[in-house]
Amino acid sequence: MDDPIARHYGLPGLLGAVLEALRATGRDVDRLEPDDLVPVDEFHIRGRAATEELAALAGVQGDWKVLDVGSGLGGSGRFLARRFGCRVTGLDLTPEYCALAQELSARVGLDALTEYRCGSALAMPFEDGAFDLAWSQHAQMNIEDKARLYAEIHRVLRPGGRFVFHDILAGPGGPPHFPTHWAEWPEMSFLIEPGAFRALLEGLGFRTLAWRDLTGISRDWYLEAKKKGGGPLGLHLLLGPTGPAKMENVGRNLAEERLTIFQGLLEKV
């Protein structure tokens, strides 16, 4: 897909790098368990803990059809499928991510419950009302036309369906420092202020059920994770040659309140 955002995320040789890192941590790549992938496939602040919180907030049910918007390597979808038994469809703009997500799902035996589609969230290839839950973590920062994005999410949800998110929004401290993990330069970044975000969603026909500011605990987690460092398997595999600068700037942006981190649960009305 000839898209600058897809090119930003689509690093060549990603599958090989992930498998080699798994071997380096002592895993048998032909006998993987879903939890073996956690250090790399939860590409968002606070990792698995944030995913578990979001699932509890959404009240996920086993018979639900779930759409993961901006599914990345598929870690959240595999967690939902394994924990609840629901069927998850991931949608992502980056072909390398979609291919790797499908490969990893097959390697951990969850390919019957998960599928990953490559496409734009602004023109989703799904019928109206196809899903019970739309799920999104750190996915909208590159998308300028947010009204169209969330109108599409509203469209593909059934009446009474739920939308749950965990996302990076604009903070009061000014524009972020770049590069970050979602953008090499400012022209790639489109953050929205929390109040404007909530007003947009409610204006499109969502009713807010929960709205949580998690900036403080996210900042503390990020600083602690930086102190601990990481092993061969980690999110650094997804960040490319400017990875260290991206990690440094995200921490600085959180410390200077240039970013806020929110969770929310909304219902289609």
Foldseek 3Di string as FASTA:
>chain_A
DPDPQLVQQADPPLLVLQVVLLVVVPDDLQQDALVSQQQAQQPAFPTPVVLVVQCVVQVDAQAWEEEEEQCFLPSSVVVCCVPHVAAYEYEHQHPNSQVNNCVVCVSNVNNVRYHYDHDDLLDDPAAFQQGQEYEYEAHCFQPAPVLSNLLSVLRNHHAFGKYKYKYKAFFPLDAFDDDAQSHRDDVRTHHHDVVVVVVSNVVSAKAWDDKDWPLVVSLVSLVVCVVVDDGSRHNLSRRPPCSVVNSVRVNVCSVSRRIIIMITMITGD
